[in-house]
PDB file of N, CA and C in Angstrom:
ATOM      1  N   UNK A   1      -7.976  -0.605 -29.344  1.00  0.00           N
ATOM      2  CA  UNK A   1      -8.603  -0.560 -28.030  1.00  0.00           C
ATOM      3  C   UNK A   1      -7.778   0.349 -27.108  1.00  0.00           C
ATOM      4  N   UNK A   2      -8.468   1.211 -26.416  1.00  0.00           N
ATOM      5  CA  UNK A   2      -7.798   2.157 -25.523  1.00  0.00           C
ATOM      6  C   UNK A   2      -7.268   1.428 -24.292  1.00  0.00           C
ATOM      7  N   UNK A   3      -5.991   1.588 -24.027  1.00  0.00           N
ATOM      8  CA  UNK A   3      -5.350   0.915 -22.901  1.00  0.00           C
ATOM      9  C   UNK A   3      -5.365   1.755 -21.630  1.00  0.00           C
ATOM     10  N   UNK A   4      -5.980   2.936 -21.677  1.00  0.00           N
ATOM     11  CA  UNK A   4      -6.047   3.784 -20.487  1.00  0.00           C
ATOM     12  C   UNK A   4      -7.454   3.767 -19.920  1.00  0.00           C
ATOM     13  N   UNK A   5      -7.515   4.119 -18.680  1.00  0.00           N
ATOM     14  CA  UNK A   5      -8.775   4.108 -17.946  1.00  0.00           C
ATOM     15  C   UNK A   5      -8.833   5.353 -17.092  1.00  0.00           C
ATOM     16  N   UNK A   6      -9.963   6.031 -17.094  1.00  0.00           N
ATOM     17  CA  UNK A   6     -10.149   7.207 -16.240  1.00  0.00           C
ATOM     18  C   UNK A   6     -10.928   6.761 -15.012  1.00  0.00           C
ATOM     19  N   UNK A   7     -10.329   6.990 -13.848  1.00  0.00           N
ATOM     20  CA  UNK A   7     -10.988   6.625 -12.597  1.00  0.00           C
ATOM     21  C   UNK A   7     -10.910   7.802 -11.642  1.00  0.00           C
ATOM     22  N   UNK A   8     -11.718   7.736 -10.600  1.00  0.00           N
ATOM     23  CA  UNK A   8     -11.639   8.710  -9.520  1.00  0.00           C
ATOM     24  C   UNK A   8     -11.334   7.933  -8.250  1.00  0.00           C
ATOM     25  N   UNK A   9     -10.377   8.431  -7.497  1.00  0.00           N
ATOM     26  CA  UNK A   9     -10.035   7.791  -6.229  1.00  0.00           C
ATOM     27  C   UNK A   9     -10.258   8.788  -5.100  1.00  0.00           C
ATOM     28  N   UNK A  10     -10.595   8.261  -3.949  1.00  0.00           N
ATOM     29  CA  UNK A  10     -10.835   9.086  -2.780  1.00  0.00           C
ATOM     30  C   UNK A  10      -9.726   8.819  -1.778  1.00  0.00           C
ATOM     31  N   UNK A  11      -8.907   9.841  -1.544  1.00  0.00           N
ATOM     32  CA  UNK A  11      -7.817   9.729  -0.584  1.00  0.00           C
ATOM     33  C   UNK A  11      -8.030  10.777   0.485  1.00  0.00           C
ATOM     34  N   UNK A  12      -8.158  10.329   1.725  1.00  0.00           N
ATOM     35  CA  UNK A  12      -8.346  11.234   2.864  1.00  0.00           C
ATOM     36  C   UNK A  12      -9.499  12.199   2.611  1.00  0.00           C
ATOM     37  N   UNK A  13     -10.588  11.647   2.110  1.00  0.00           N
ATOM     38  CA  UNK A  13     -11.836  12.379   1.889  1.00  0.00           C
ATOM     39  C   UNK A  13     -11.730  13.459   0.812  1.00  0.00           C
ATOM     40  N   UNK A  14     -10.784  13.288  -0.114  1.00  0.00           N
ATOM     41  CA  UNK A  14     -10.693  14.161  -1.290  1.00  0.00           C
ATOM     42  C   UNK A  14     -10.650  13.291  -2.527  1.00  0.00           C
ATOM     43  N   UNK A  15     -11.357  13.710  -3.549  1.00  0.00           N
ATOM     44  CA  UNK A  15     -11.450  12.927  -4.776  1.00  0.00           C
ATOM     45  C   UNK A  15     -10.421  13.431  -5.783  1.00  0.00           C
ATOM     46  N   UNK A  16      -9.719  12.467  -6.386  1.00  0.00           N
ATOM     47  CA  UNK A  16      -8.692  12.769  -7.371  1.00  0.00           C
ATOM     48  C   UNK A  16      -8.985  11.993  -8.653  1.00  0.00           C
ATOM     49  N   UNK A  17      -9.124  12.681  -9.777  1.00  0.00           N
ATOM     50  CA  UNK A  17      -9.297  11.976 -11.046  1.00  0.00           C
ATOM     51  C   UNK A  17      -7.932  11.526 -11.564  1.00  0.00           C
ATOM     52  N   UNK A  18      -7.881  10.311 -12.060  1.00  0.00           N
ATOM     53  CA  UNK A  18      -6.632   9.758 -12.582  1.00  0.00           C
ATOM     54  C   UNK A  18      -6.872   9.127 -13.945  1.00  0.00           C
ATOM     55  N   UNK A  19      -5.876   9.168 -14.770  1.00  0.00           N
ATOM     56  CA  UNK A  19      -5.858   8.392 -15.996  1.00  0.00           C
ATOM     57  C   UNK A  19      -4.708   7.412 -15.860  1.00  0.00           C
ATOM     58  N   UNK A  20      -5.050   6.137 -15.871  1.00  0.00           N
ATOM     59  CA  UNK A  20      -4.062   5.083 -15.638  1.00  0.00           C
ATOM     60  C   UNK A  20      -4.165   4.027 -16.735  1.00  0.00           C
ATOM     61  N   UNK A  21      -3.166   3.191 -16.817  1.00  0.00           N
ATOM     62  CA  UNK A  21      -3.258   2.034 -17.707  1.00  0.00           C
ATOM     63  C   UNK A  21      -4.216   1.034 -17.077  1.00  0.00           C
ATOM     64  N   UNK A  22      -4.948   0.350 -17.910  1.00  0.00           N
ATOM     65  CA  UNK A  22      -5.933  -0.623 -17.413  1.00  0.00           C
ATOM     66  C   UNK A  22      -5.289  -1.672 -16.508  1.00  0.00           C
ATOM     67  N   UNK A  23      -4.088  -2.094 -16.848  1.00  0.00           N
ATOM     68  CA  UNK A  23      -3.432  -3.133 -16.056  1.00  0.00           C
ATOM     69  C   UNK A  23      -2.919  -2.624 -14.709  1.00  0.00           C
ATOM     70  N   UNK A  24      -3.008  -1.328 -14.452  1.00  0.00           N
ATOM     71  CA  UNK A  24      -2.588  -0.756 -13.170  1.00  0.00           C
ATOM     72  C   UNK A  24      -3.738  -0.543 -12.196  1.00  0.00           C
ATOM     73  N   UNK A  25      -4.969  -0.718 -12.655  1.00  0.00           N
ATOM     74  CA  UNK A  25      -6.118  -0.349 -11.827  1.00  0.00           C
ATOM     75  C   UNK A  25      -6.130  -1.052 -10.463  1.00  0.00           C
ATOM     76  N   UNK A  26      -5.932  -2.342 -10.450  1.00  0.00           N
ATOM     77  CA  UNK A  26      -5.980  -3.074  -9.182  1.00  0.00           C
ATOM     78  C   UNK A  26      -4.908  -2.567  -8.213  1.00  0.00           C
ATOM     79  N   UNK A  27      -3.692  -2.364  -8.737  1.00  0.00           N
ATOM     80  CA  UNK A  27      -2.598  -1.888  -7.895  1.00  0.00           C
ATOM     81  C   UNK A  27      -2.888  -0.486  -7.358  1.00  0.00           C
ATOM     82  N   UNK A  28      -3.436   0.376  -8.202  1.00  0.00           N
ATOM     83  CA  UNK A  28      -3.760   1.738  -7.768  1.00  0.00           C
ATOM     84  C   UNK A  28      -4.833   1.697  -6.683  1.00  0.00           C
ATOM     85  N   UNK A  29      -5.852   0.905  -6.893  1.00  0.00           N
ATOM     86  CA  UNK A  29      -6.935   0.831  -5.890  1.00  0.00           C
ATOM     87  C   UNK A  29      -6.439   0.243  -4.570  1.00  0.00           C
ATOM     88  N   UNK A  30      -5.544  -0.727  -4.634  1.00  0.00           N
ATOM     89  CA  UNK A  30      -4.953  -1.275  -3.404  1.00  0.00           C
ATOM     90  C   UNK A  30      -4.091  -0.226  -2.699  1.00  0.00           C
ATOM     91  N   UNK A  31      -3.369   0.571  -3.477  1.00  0.00           N
ATOM     92  CA  UNK A  31      -2.550   1.636  -2.894  1.00  0.00           C
ATOM     93  C   UNK A  31      -3.431   2.674  -2.208  1.00  0.00           C
ATOM     94  N   UNK A  32      -4.532   3.034  -2.847  1.00  0.00           N
ATOM     95  CA  UNK A  32      -5.473   3.987  -2.248  1.00  0.00           C
ATOM     96  C   UNK A  32      -6.022   3.433  -0.940  1.00  0.00           C
ATOM     97  N   UNK A  33      -6.379   2.153  -0.940  1.00  0.00           N
ATOM     98  CA  UNK A  33      -6.896   1.528   0.284  1.00  0.00           C
ATOM     99  C   UNK A  33      -5.837   1.540   1.388  1.00  0.00           C
ATOM    100  N   UNK A  34      -4.586   1.262   1.036  1.00  0.00           N
ATOM    101  CA  UNK A  34      -3.503   1.269   2.029  1.00  0.00           C
ATOM    102  C   UNK A  34      -3.288   2.670   2.587  1.00  0.00           C
ATOM    103  N   UNK A  35      -3.350   3.664   1.731  1.00  0.00           N
ATOM    104  CA  UNK A  35      -3.189   5.051   2.197  1.00  0.00           C
ATOM    105  C   UNK A  35      -4.314   5.424   3.144  1.00  0.00           C
ATOM    106  N   UNK A  36      -5.542   5.115   2.754  1.00  0.00           N
ATOM    107  CA  UNK A  36      -6.683   5.468   3.602  1.00  0.00           C
ATOM    108  C   UNK A  36      -6.654   4.733   4.934  1.00  0.00           C
ATOM    109  N   UNK A  37      -6.177   3.499   4.924  1.00  0.00           N
ATOM    110  CA  UNK A  37      -6.045   2.750   6.181  1.00  0.00           C
ATOM    111  C   UNK A  37      -4.980   3.385   7.070  1.00  0.00           C
ATOM    112  N   UNK A  38      -3.869   3.802   6.478  1.00  0.00           N
ATOM    113  CA  UNK A  38      -2.814   4.466   7.249  1.00  0.00           C
ATOM    114  C   UNK A  38      -3.317   5.792   7.813  1.00  0.00           C
ATOM    115  N   UNK A  39      -4.067   6.534   7.021  1.00  0.00           N
ATOM    116  CA  UNK A  39      -4.651   7.796   7.491  1.00  0.00           C
ATOM    117  C   UNK A  39      -5.538   7.531   8.703  1.00  0.00           C
ATOM    118  N   UNK A  40      -6.370   6.518   8.582  1.00  0.00           N
ATOM    119  CA  UNK A  40      -7.284   6.165   9.684  1.00  0.00           C
ATOM    120  C   UNK A  40      -6.510   5.811  10.955  1.00  0.00           C
ATOM    121  N   UNK A  41      -5.446   5.001  10.810  1.00  0.00           N
ATOM    122  CA  UNK A  41      -4.637   4.615  11.973  1.00  0.00           C
ATOM    123  C   UNK A  41      -4.002   5.833  12.639  1.00  0.00           C
ATOM    124  N   UNK A  42      -3.414   6.731  11.841  1.00  0.00           N
ATOM    125  CA  UNK A  42      -2.787   7.924  12.407  1.00  0.00           C
ATOM    126  C   UNK A  42      -3.815   8.805  13.118  1.00  0.00           C
ATOM    127  N   UNK A  43      -4.984   8.951  12.525  1.00  0.00           N
ATOM    128  CA  UNK A  43      -6.020   9.785  13.151  1.00  0.00           C
ATOM    129  C   UNK A  43      -6.514   9.176  14.455  1.00  0.00           C
ATOM    130  N   UNK A  44      -6.584   7.848  14.525  1.00  0.00           N
ATOM    131  CA  UNK A  44      -7.034   7.184  15.743  1.00  0.00           C
ATOM    132  C   UNK A  44      -5.985   7.241  16.851  1.00  0.00           C
ATOM    133  N   UNK A  45      -4.722   7.147  16.485  1.00  0.00           N
ATOM    134  CA  UNK A  45      -3.651   7.075  17.483  1.00  0.00           C
ATOM    135  C   UNK A  45      -3.185   8.437  17.988  1.00  0.00           C
ATOM    136  N   UNK A  46      -3.260   9.439  17.131  1.00  0.00           N
ATOM    137  CA  UNK A  46      -2.710  10.745  17.491  1.00  0.00           C
ATOM    138  C   UNK A  46      -3.774  11.824  17.333  1.00  0.00           C
ATOM    139  N   UNK A  47      -3.667  12.846  18.144  1.00  0.00           N
ATOM    140  CA  UNK A  47      -4.613  13.966  18.076  1.00  0.00           C
ATOM    141  C   UNK A  47      -4.152  14.930  16.987  1.00  0.00           C
ATOM    142  N   UNK A  48      -4.400  14.538  15.747  1.00  0.00           N
ATOM    143  CA  UNK A  48      -3.993  15.359  14.616  1.00  0.00           C
ATOM    144  C   UNK A  48      -5.249  15.811  13.892  1.00  0.00           C
ATOM    145  N   UNK A  49      -5.417  17.101  13.777  1.00  0.00           N
ATOM    146  CA  UNK A  49      -6.624  17.609  13.126  1.00  0.00           C
ATOM    147  C   UNK A  49      -6.387  18.001  11.675  1.00  0.00           C
ATOM    148  N   UNK A  50      -5.160  18.203  11.288  1.00  0.00           N
ATOM    149  CA  UNK A  50      -4.836  18.651   9.942  1.00  0.00           C
ATOM    150  C   UNK A  50      -4.538  17.454   9.045  1.00  0.00           C
ATOM    151  N   UNK A  51      -5.341  17.269   7.987  1.00  0.00           N
ATOM    152  CA  UNK A  51      -5.146  16.147   7.069  1.00  0.00           C
ATOM    153  C   UNK A  51      -3.773  16.185   6.413  1.00  0.00           C
ATOM    154  N   UNK A  52      -3.252  17.370   6.167  1.00  0.00           N
ATOM    155  CA  UNK A  52      -1.936  17.473   5.544  1.00  0.00           C
ATOM    156  C   UNK A  52      -0.869  16.867   6.453  1.00  0.00           C
ATOM    157  N   UNK A  53      -0.973  17.085   7.753  1.00  0.00           N
ATOM    158  CA  UNK A  53      -0.027  16.478   8.691  1.00  0.00           C
ATOM    159  C   UNK A  53      -0.144  14.958   8.668  1.00  0.00           C
ATOM    160  N   UNK A  54      -1.381  14.454   8.637  1.00  0.00           N
ATOM    161  CA  UNK A  54      -1.603  13.010   8.603  1.00  0.00           C
ATOM    162  C   UNK A  54      -1.035  12.423   7.315  1.00  0.00           C
ATOM    163  N   UNK A  55      -1.296  13.074   6.188  1.00  0.00           N
ATOM    164  CA  UNK A  55      -0.779  12.583   4.920  1.00  0.00           C
ATOM    165  C   UNK A  55       0.743  12.639   4.871  1.00  0.00           C
ATOM    166  N   UNK A  56       1.324  13.656   5.485  1.00  0.00           N
ATOM    167  CA  UNK A  56       2.788  13.745   5.538  1.00  0.00           C
ATOM    168  C   UNK A  56       3.360  12.575   6.335  1.00  0.00           C
ATOM    169  N   UNK A  57       2.740  12.223   7.437  1.00  0.00           N
ATOM    170  CA  UNK A  57       3.211  11.102   8.250  1.00  0.00           C
ATOM    171  C   UNK A  57       3.038   9.774   7.495  1.00  0.00           C
ATOM    172  N   UNK A  58       1.925   9.630   6.770  1.00  0.00           N
ATOM    173  CA  UNK A  58       1.715   8.428   5.958  1.00  0.00           C
ATOM    174  C   UNK A  58       2.785   8.327   4.878  1.00  0.00           C
ATOM    175  N   UNK A  59       3.088   9.450   4.252  1.00  0.00           N
ATOM    176  CA  UNK A  59       4.118   9.476   3.221  1.00  0.00           C
ATOM    177  C   UNK A  59       5.465   9.062   3.793  1.00  0.00           C
ATOM    178  N   UNK A  60       5.797   9.588   4.953  1.00  0.00           N
ATOM    179  CA  UNK A  60       7.052   9.221   5.607  1.00  0.00           C
ATOM    180  C   UNK A  60       7.088   7.729   5.903  1.00  0.00           C
ATOM    181  N   UNK A  61       5.993   7.194   6.417  1.00  0.00           N
ATOM    182  CA  UNK A  61       5.927   5.768   6.737  1.00  0.00           C
ATOM    183  C   UNK A  61       6.120   4.912   5.481  1.00  0.00           C
ATOM    184  N   UNK A  62       5.391   5.224   4.422  1.00  0.00           N
ATOM    185  CA  UNK A  62       5.499   4.444   3.188  1.00  0.00           C
ATOM    186  C   UNK A  62       6.877   4.582   2.557  1.00  0.00           C
ATOM    187  N   UNK A  63       7.437   5.782   2.571  1.00  0.00           N
ATOM    188  CA  UNK A  63       8.767   5.995   1.989  1.00  0.00           C
ATOM    189  C   UNK A  63       9.825   5.216   2.762  1.00  0.00           C
ATOM    190  N   UNK A  64       9.709   5.187   4.078  1.00  0.00           N
ATOM    191  CA  UNK A  64      10.647   4.438   4.913  1.00  0.00           C
ATOM    192  C   UNK A  64      10.557   2.946   4.601  1.00  0.00           C
ATOM    193  N   UNK A  65       9.336   2.446   4.482  1.00  0.00           N
ATOM    194  CA  UNK A  65       9.155   1.033   4.140  1.00  0.00           C
ATOM    195  C   UNK A  65       9.706   0.732   2.752  1.00  0.00           C
ATOM    196  N   UNK A  66       9.441   1.597   1.803  1.00  0.00           N
ATOM    197  CA  UNK A  66       9.942   1.416   0.442  1.00  0.00           C
ATOM    198  C   UNK A  66      11.465   1.375   0.409  1.00  0.00           C
ATOM    199  N   UNK A  67      12.089   2.320   1.086  1.00  0.00           N
ATOM    200  CA  UNK A  67      13.549   2.358   1.094  1.00  0.00           C
ATOM    201  C   UNK A  67      14.126   1.138   1.795  1.00  0.00           C
ATOM    202  N   UNK A  68      13.433   0.669   2.830  1.00  0.00           N
ATOM    203  CA  UNK A  68      13.877  -0.550   3.508  1.00  0.00           C
ATOM    204  C   UNK A  68      13.814  -1.750   2.580  1.00  0.00           C
ATOM    205  N   UNK A  69      12.748  -1.855   1.795  1.00  0.00           N
ATOM    206  CA  UNK A  69      12.647  -2.945   0.825  1.00  0.00           C
ATOM    207  C   UNK A  69      13.713  -2.819  -0.246  1.00  0.00           C
ATOM    208  N   UNK A  70      13.928  -1.600  -0.705  1.00  0.00           N
ATOM    209  CA  UNK A  70      14.902  -1.356  -1.761  1.00  0.00           C
ATOM    210  C   UNK A  70      16.313  -1.742  -1.314  1.00  0.00           C
ATOM    211  N   UNK A  71      16.617  -1.502  -0.049  1.00  0.00           N
ATOM    212  CA  UNK A  71      17.947  -1.818   0.490  1.00  0.00           C
ATOM    213  C   UNK A  71      18.053  -3.266   0.944  1.00  0.00           C
ATOM    214  N   UNK A  72      16.909  -3.939   1.028  1.00  0.00           N
ATOM    215  CA  UNK A  72      16.932  -5.329   1.472  1.00  0.00           C
ATOM    216  C   UNK A  72      17.123  -5.466   2.966  1.00  0.00           C
ATOM    217  N   UNK A  73      16.645  -4.485   3.726  1.00  0.00           N
ATOM    218  CA  UNK A  73      16.809  -4.540   5.179  1.00  0.00           C
ATOM    219  C   UNK A  73      16.074  -5.735   5.758  1.00  0.00           C
ATOM    220  N   UNK A  74      16.714  -6.385   6.686  1.00  0.00           N
ATOM    221  CA  UNK A  74      16.197  -7.614   7.285  1.00  0.00           C
ATOM    222  C   UNK A  74      14.832  -7.416   7.936  1.00  0.00           C
ATOM    223  N   UNK A  75      14.641  -6.330   8.642  1.00  0.00           N
ATOM    224  CA  UNK A  75      13.372  -6.103   9.349  1.00  0.00           C
ATOM    225  C   UNK A  75      12.191  -5.956   8.422  1.00  0.00           C
ATOM    226  N   UNK A  76      12.442  -5.578   7.192  1.00  0.00           N
ATOM    227  CA  UNK A  76      11.365  -5.407   6.228  1.00  0.00           C
ATOM    228  C   UNK A  76      11.145  -6.683   5.436  1.00  0.00           C
ATOM    229  N   UNK A  77      12.211  -7.364   5.100  1.00  0.00           N
ATOM    230  CA  UNK A  77      12.111  -8.538   4.244  1.00  0.00           C
ATOM    231  C   UNK A  77      11.710  -9.786   5.027  1.00  0.00           C
ATOM    232  N   UNK A  78      12.071  -9.884   6.282  1.00  0.00           N
ATOM    233  CA  UNK A  78      11.797 -11.089   7.068  1.00  0.00           C
ATOM    234  C   UNK A  78      10.325 -11.496   7.037  1.00  0.00           C
ATOM    235  N   UNK A  79       9.367 -10.592   7.254  1.00  0.00           N
ATOM    236  CA  UNK A  79       7.961 -11.018   7.188  1.00  0.00           C
ATOM    237  C   UNK A  79       7.572 -11.545   5.804  1.00  0.00           C
ATOM    238  N   UNK A  80       8.133 -10.976   4.766  1.00  0.00           N
ATOM    239  CA  UNK A  80       7.847 -11.460   3.412  1.00  0.00           C
ATOM    240  C   UNK A  80       8.419 -12.856   3.211  1.00  0.00           C
ATOM    241  N   UNK A  81       9.625 -13.073   3.709  1.00  0.00           N
ATOM    242  CA  UNK A  81      10.239 -14.393   3.584  1.00  0.00           C
ATOM    243  C   UNK A  81       9.438 -15.442   4.344  1.00  0.00           C
ATOM    244  N   UNK A  82       8.942 -15.081   5.523  1.00  0.00           N
ATOM    245  CA  UNK A  82       8.128 -16.008   6.312  1.00  0.00           C
ATOM    246  C   UNK A  82       6.845 -16.367   5.580  1.00  0.00           C
ATOM    247  N   UNK A  83       6.204 -15.374   4.986  1.00  0.00           N
ATOM    248  CA  UNK A  83       4.966 -15.622   4.250  1.00  0.00           C
ATOM    249  C   UNK A  83       5.230 -16.526   3.050  1.00  0.00           C
ATOM    250  N   UNK A  84       6.331 -16.272   2.344  1.00  0.00           N
ATOM    251  CA  UNK A  84       6.670 -17.107   1.195  1.00  0.00           C
ATOM    252  C   UNK A  84       7.022 -18.531   1.620  1.00  0.00           C
ATOM    253  N   UNK A  85       7.704 -18.676   2.739  1.00  0.00           N
ATOM    254  CA  UNK A  85       8.044 -20.003   3.240  1.00  0.00           C
ATOM    255  C   UNK A  85       6.777 -20.776   3.595  1.00  0.00           C
ATOM    256  N   UNK A  86       5.827 -20.101   4.235  1.00  0.00           N
ATOM    257  CA  UNK A  86       4.557 -20.740   4.572  1.00  0.00           C
ATOM    258  C   UNK A  86       3.795 -21.163   3.331  1.00  0.00           C
ATOM    259  N   UNK A  87       3.803 -20.323   2.330  1.00  0.00           N
ATOM    260  CA  UNK A  87       3.144 -20.659   1.070  1.00  0.00           C
ATOM    261  C   UNK A  87       3.816 -21.845   0.403  1.00  0.00           C
ATOM    262  N   UNK A  88       5.137 -21.869   0.433  1.00  0.00           N
ATOM    263  CA  UNK A  88       5.886 -22.982  -0.149  1.00  0.00           C
ATOM    264  C   UNK A  88       5.549 -24.295   0.570  1.00  0.00           C
ATOM    265  N   UNK A  89       5.438 -24.255   1.889  1.00  0.00           N
ATOM    266  CA  UNK A  89       5.094 -25.449   2.658  1.00  0.00           C
ATOM    267  C   UNK A  89       3.688 -25.933   2.310  1.00  0.00           C
ATOM    268  N   UNK A  90       2.760 -24.997   2.127  1.00  0.00           N
ATOM    269  CA  UNK A  90       1.404 -25.375   1.758  1.00  0.00           C
ATOM    270  C   UNK A  90       1.379 -26.009   0.366  1.00  0.00           C
ATOM    271  N   UNK A  91       2.151 -25.456  -0.557  1.00  0.00           N
ATOM    272  CA  UNK A  91       2.240 -26.025  -1.897  1.00  0.00           C
ATOM    273  C   UNK A  91       2.842 -27.420  -1.868  1.00  0.00           C
ATOM    274  N   UNK A  92       3.918 -27.581  -1.089  1.00  0.00           N
ATOM    275  CA  UNK A  92       4.542 -28.897  -0.956  1.00  0.00           C
ATOM    276  C   UNK A  92       3.557 -29.914  -0.407  1.00  0.00           C
ATOM    277  N   UNK A  93       2.802 -29.524   0.608  1.00  0.00           N
ATOM    278  CA  UNK A  93       1.826 -30.440   1.199  1.00  0.00           C
ATOM    279  C   UNK A  93       0.720 -30.785   0.208  1.00  0.00           C
ATOM    280  N   UNK A  94       0.290 -29.820  -0.576  1.00  0.00           N
ATOM    281  CA  UNK A  94      -0.777 -30.069  -1.550  1.00  0.00           C
ATOM    282  C   UNK A  94      -0.309 -30.962  -2.688  1.00  0.00           C
ATOM    283  N   UNK A  95       0.983 -30.870  -3.041  1.00  0.00           N
ATOM    284  CA  UNK A  95       1.514 -31.641  -4.152  1.00  0.00           C
ATOM    285  C   UNK A  95       1.885 -33.076  -3.757  1.00  0.00           C
ATOM    286  N   UNK A  96       1.954 -33.351  -2.474  1.00  0.00           N
ATOM    287  CA  UNK A  96       2.329 -34.706  -2.012  1.00  0.00           C
ATOM    288  C   UNK A  96       1.150 -35.638  -2.035  1.00  0.00           C
TER     289      UNK A  96
END
């Protein structure tokens, strides 16, 4: 059975064909959605007409967040810890 999948994704109104592993499809589609949402936010907030400029700013934003997670910076990890704590409390309540 073939473990790869050919898909097309639309990023900033351009279509890109990809060949990915089947188990990566959901993650890739979520990443595409996050990129397109970031593009939309930048276009709404700033008077930027060039898609390349918008994509560059999105790339900078995502790279900064990634590096913050990689370094374990408090400002990036704190919201994740809060979400996990809330989930843990809900699980505890459900199990009681």
